[in-house]
Amino acid sequence: MKAAGMTGLAIVCMVAAIYAGGRPLRSVSWRAPDIKLVIGVDSAYYESACAHATIREAITVNKHGEFMVAANYFQEGGPIQQPPVSEPAHFVGDVRHRTMSLTIYLDETGEMIGPIILTPGNSGPIIKCL
């Protein structure tokens, strides 16, 4: 059992090293149809038709334009309206030329959302789920 724990720790350390360091993404809004990601200096906010998420750290990209940050993800909508429940998630992506590819990994369920292709801009409202 101890060897498996060490292997898991080694994998986490290797992944962290891949995404560590780099330069912060500048404060800007990124958009896709019914999706936006607003990046601030030390946080970010994601909104889609049926969910939102908060990121409580700066998003920095490595020399290859890649990033990975922890987030709190909230599923919304559905037939019975209830307050959204937070689920831990990781946002993994890369920025190349004026395009961001973003994939969201929900930690507890293992669900993957994306990849989502975003471009800088603020156009259009988000039509929310009912």
C-alpha atoms as a PDB file:
ATOM      1  CA  MET A   1       0.000   0.000   0.000  1.00  0.00           C
ATOM      2  CA  LYS A   2       2.781   2.392   0.837  1.00  0.00           C
ATOM      3  CA  ALA A   3       4.385   1.937  -2.598  1.00  0.00           C
ATOM      4  CA  ALA A   4       1.098   2.823  -4.329  1.00  0.00           C
ATOM      5  CA  GLY A   5       0.844   6.023  -2.261  1.00  0.00           C
ATOM      6  CA  MET A   6       4.378   6.994  -3.230  1.00  0.00           C
ATOM      7  CA  THR A   7       3.589   6.360  -6.881  1.00  0.00           C
ATOM      8  CA  GLY A   8       0.502   8.590  -6.650  1.00  0.00           C
ATOM      9  CA  LEU A   9       2.545  11.305  -4.962  1.00  0.00           C
ATOM     10  CA  ALA A  10       5.187  11.061  -7.677  1.00  0.00           C
ATOM     11  CA  ILE A  11       2.539  11.463 -10.394  1.00  0.00           C
ATOM     12  CA  VAL A  12       1.051  14.526  -8.673  1.00  0.00           C
ATOM     13  CA  CYS A  13       4.520  16.061  -8.363  1.00  0.00           C
ATOM     14  CA  MET A  14       5.307  15.404 -12.040  1.00  0.00           C
ATOM     15  CA  VAL A  15       2.010  16.955 -13.187  1.00  0.00           C
ATOM     16  CA  ALA A  16       2.537  19.975 -10.914  1.00  0.00           C
ATOM     17  CA  ALA A  17       6.041  20.449 -12.330  1.00  0.00           C
ATOM     18  CA  ILE A  18       4.714  20.469 -15.903  1.00  0.00           C
ATOM     19  CA  TYR A  19       2.308  23.323 -15.151  1.00  0.00           C
ATOM     20  CA  ALA A  20       4.388  25.201 -12.544  1.00  0.00           C
ATOM     21  CA  GLY A  21       5.871  28.603 -13.095  1.00  0.00           C
ATOM     22  CA  GLY A  22       5.341  30.672 -16.154  1.00  0.00           C
ATOM     23  CA  ARG A  23       3.530  33.901 -16.750  1.00  0.00           C
ATOM     24  CA  PRO A  24       0.054  34.910 -15.604  1.00  0.00           C
ATOM     25  CA  LEU A  25      -2.664  35.244 -18.197  1.00  0.00           C
ATOM     26  CA  ARG A  26      -3.703  38.863 -18.460  1.00  0.00           C
ATOM     27  CA  SER A  27      -7.115  39.946 -17.244  1.00  0.00           C
ATOM     28  CA  VAL A  28      -9.510  39.376 -20.123  1.00  0.00           C
ATOM     29  CA  SER A  29     -12.787  37.648 -20.971  1.00  0.00           C
ATOM     30  CA  TRP A  30     -12.758  34.538 -23.157  1.00  0.00           C
ATOM     31  CA  ARG A  31     -15.928  33.408 -24.973  1.00  0.00           C
ATOM     32  CA  ALA A  32     -17.527  30.484 -26.754  1.00  0.00           C
ATOM     33  CA  PRO A  33     -21.251  30.090 -27.525  1.00  0.00           C
ATOM     34  CA  ASP A  34     -23.085  30.218 -24.143  1.00  0.00           C
ATOM     35  CA  ILE A  35     -19.772  30.101 -22.240  1.00  0.00           C
ATOM     36  CA  LYS A  36     -17.487  32.748 -20.766  1.00  0.00           C
ATOM     37  CA  LEU A  37     -14.316  32.692 -18.707  1.00  0.00           C
ATOM     38  CA  VAL A  38     -13.397  35.987 -17.051  1.00  0.00           C
ATOM     39  CA  ILE A  39      -9.786  36.085 -15.891  1.00  0.00           C
ATOM     40  CA  GLY A  40      -8.702  38.474 -13.149  1.00  0.00           C
ATOM     41  CA  VAL A  41      -5.320  39.150 -11.615  1.00  0.00           C
ATOM     42  CA  ASP A  42      -5.640  36.499  -8.900  1.00  0.00           C
ATOM     43  CA  SER A  43      -8.874  34.656  -9.704  1.00  0.00           C
ATOM     44  CA  ALA A  44     -11.232  33.721 -12.524  1.00  0.00           C
ATOM     45  CA  TYR A  45     -14.944  33.077 -13.031  1.00  0.00           C
ATOM     46  CA  TYR A  46     -16.443  30.549 -15.476  1.00  0.00           C
ATOM     47  CA  GLU A  47     -20.065  30.599 -16.580  1.00  0.00           C
ATOM     48  CA  SER A  48     -21.960  28.359 -18.972  1.00  0.00           C
ATOM     49  CA  ALA A  49     -25.607  27.708 -19.734  1.00  0.00           C
ATOM     50  CA  CYS A  50     -25.938  25.117 -16.949  1.00  0.00           C
ATOM     51  CA  ALA A  51     -23.003  25.731 -14.580  1.00  0.00           C
ATOM     52  CA  HIS A  52     -20.570  28.203 -13.090  1.00  0.00           C
ATOM     53  CA  ALA A  53     -17.200  27.886 -11.387  1.00  0.00           C
ATOM     54  CA  THR A  54     -14.834  29.963  -9.306  1.00  0.00           C
ATOM     55  CA  ILE A  55     -11.070  29.806  -9.511  1.00  0.00           C
ATOM     56  CA  ARG A  56      -9.338  31.367  -6.513  1.00  0.00           C
ATOM     57  CA  GLU A  57      -5.823  31.683  -7.895  1.00  0.00           C
ATOM     58  CA  ALA A  58      -4.053  33.367 -10.775  1.00  0.00           C
ATOM     59  CA  ILE A  59      -4.033  31.372 -14.006  1.00  0.00           C
ATOM     60  CA  THR A  60      -0.441  31.087 -15.157  1.00  0.00           C
ATOM     61  CA  VAL A  61       0.749  29.413 -18.328  1.00  0.00           C
ATOM     62  CA  ASN A  62       4.014  27.541 -18.760  1.00  0.00           C
ATOM     63  CA  LYS A  63       6.404  28.106 -21.669  1.00  0.00           C
ATOM     64  CA  HIS A  64       4.133  25.987 -23.887  1.00  0.00           C
ATOM     65  CA  GLY A  65       1.014  28.047 -23.053  1.00  0.00           C
ATOM     66  CA  GLU A  66      -0.449  25.277 -20.840  1.00  0.00           C
ATOM     67  CA  PHE A  67      -2.155  25.702 -17.480  1.00  0.00           C
ATOM     68  CA  MET A  68      -3.939  23.730 -14.756  1.00  0.00           C
ATOM     69  CA  VAL A  69      -5.861  25.307 -11.850  1.00  0.00           C
ATOM     70  CA  ALA A  70      -8.189  24.073  -9.129  1.00  0.00           C
ATOM     71  CA  ALA A  71     -11.789  25.327  -9.138  1.00  0.00           C
ATOM     72  CA  ASN A  72     -15.112  24.998  -7.368  1.00  0.00           C
ATOM     73  CA  TYR A  73     -17.679  23.888  -9.969  1.00  0.00           C
ATOM     74  CA  PHE A  74     -21.435  24.368  -9.502  1.00  0.00           C
ATOM     75  CA  GLN A  75     -23.943  22.499 -11.711  1.00  0.00           C
ATOM     76  CA  GLU A  76     -27.157  24.501 -12.291  1.00  0.00           C
ATOM     77  CA  GLY A  77     -30.622  23.963 -13.718  1.00  0.00           C
ATOM     78  CA  GLY A  78     -32.737  20.862 -13.924  1.00  0.00           C
ATOM     79  CA  PRO A  79     -36.390  20.058 -13.353  1.00  0.00           C
ATOM     80  CA  ILE A  80     -36.265  20.820  -9.616  1.00  0.00           C
ATOM     81  CA  GLN A  81     -34.562  24.095  -8.747  1.00  0.00           C
ATOM     82  CA  GLN A  82     -32.166  23.676  -5.842  1.00  0.00           C
ATOM     83  CA  PRO A  83     -29.178  25.704  -4.730  1.00  0.00           C
ATOM     84  CA  PRO A  84     -26.116  24.524  -6.682  1.00  0.00           C
ATOM     85  CA  VAL A  85     -23.662  22.345  -4.764  1.00  0.00           C
ATOM     86  CA  SER A  86     -19.929  22.927  -5.116  1.00  0.00           C
ATOM     87  CA  GLU A  87     -17.822  20.147  -6.591  1.00  0.00           C
ATOM     88  CA  PRO A  88     -14.005  20.303  -6.745  1.00  0.00           C
ATOM     89  CA  ALA A  89     -12.674  20.469 -10.278  1.00  0.00           C
ATOM     90  CA  HIS A  90      -9.553  21.191 -12.298  1.00  0.00           C
ATOM     91  CA  PHE A  91      -9.430  23.430 -15.353  1.00  0.00           C
ATOM     92  CA  VAL A  92      -6.738  22.297 -17.773  1.00  0.00           C
ATOM     93  CA  GLY A  93      -5.986  24.125 -20.972  1.00  0.00           C
ATOM     94  CA  ASP A  94      -3.626  25.847 -23.303  1.00  0.00           C
ATOM     95  CA  VAL A  95      -3.481  29.209 -25.018  1.00  0.00           C
ATOM     96  CA  ARG A  96      -2.113  29.418 -28.529  1.00  0.00           C
ATOM     97  CA  HIS A  97      -2.305  32.466 -30.760  1.00  0.00           C
ATOM     98  CA  ARG A  98      -5.690  33.980 -29.778  1.00  0.00           C
ATOM     99  CA  THR A  99      -7.382  30.689 -28.928  1.00  0.00           C
ATOM    100  CA  MET A 100      -7.817  28.849 -25.639  1.00  0.00           C
ATOM    101  CA  SER A 101      -8.615  25.148 -25.430  1.00  0.00           C
ATOM    102  CA  LEU A 102     -10.170  24.340 -22.044  1.00  0.00           C
ATOM    103  CA  THR A 103     -11.146  21.013 -20.472  1.00  0.00           C
ATOM    104  CA  ILE A 104     -12.847  20.768 -17.077  1.00  0.00           C
ATOM    105  CA  TYR A 105     -12.298  17.668 -14.943  1.00  0.00           C
ATOM    106  CA  LEU A 106     -14.740  17.084 -12.078  1.00  0.00           C
ATOM    107  CA  ASP A 107     -12.692  15.518  -9.292  1.00  0.00           C
ATOM    108  CA  GLU A 108     -15.392  13.478  -7.513  1.00  0.00           C
ATOM    109  CA  THR A 109     -17.183  11.981 -10.521  1.00  0.00           C
ATOM    110  CA  GLY A 110     -14.289  11.855 -12.984  1.00  0.00           C
ATOM    111  CA  GLU A 111     -16.501  13.576 -15.572  1.00  0.00           C
ATOM    112  CA  MET A 112     -14.701  15.496 -18.314  1.00  0.00           C
ATOM    113  CA  ILE A 113     -16.275  18.568 -19.941  1.00  0.00           C
ATOM    114  CA  GLY A 114     -14.681  19.713 -23.166  1.00  0.00           C
ATOM    115  CA  PRO A 115     -12.483  20.503 -24.795  1.00  0.00           C
ATOM    116  CA  ILE A 116     -14.081  23.933 -25.152  1.00  0.00           C
ATOM    117  CA  ILE A 117     -12.552  26.381 -27.642  1.00  0.00           C
ATOM    118  CA  LEU A 118     -12.655  30.022 -26.483  1.00  0.00           C
ATOM    119  CA  THR A 119     -11.499  33.298 -28.007  1.00  0.00           C
ATOM    120  CA  PRO A 120     -11.044  36.724 -26.383  1.00  0.00           C
ATOM    121  CA  GLY A 121     -14.187  38.874 -26.272  1.00  0.00           C
ATOM    122  CA  ASN A 122     -17.382  39.831 -24.460  1.00  0.00           C
ATOM    123  CA  SER A 123     -20.094  39.328 -27.076  1.00  0.00           C
ATOM    124  CA  GLY A 124     -23.522  37.829 -26.532  1.00  0.00           C
ATOM    125  CA  PRO A 125     -25.554  36.807 -23.499  1.00  0.00           C
ATOM    126  CA  ILE A 126     -25.489  33.347 -21.968  1.00  0.00           C
ATOM    127  CA  ILE A 127     -28.879  31.643 -22.145  1.00  0.00           C
ATOM    128  CA  LYS A 128     -29.227  29.743 -18.857  1.00  0.00           C
ATOM    129  CA  CYS A 129     -30.700  26.241 -18.377  1.00  0.00           C
ATOM    130  CA  LEU A 130     -34.128  25.987 -16.868  1.00  0.00           C
END
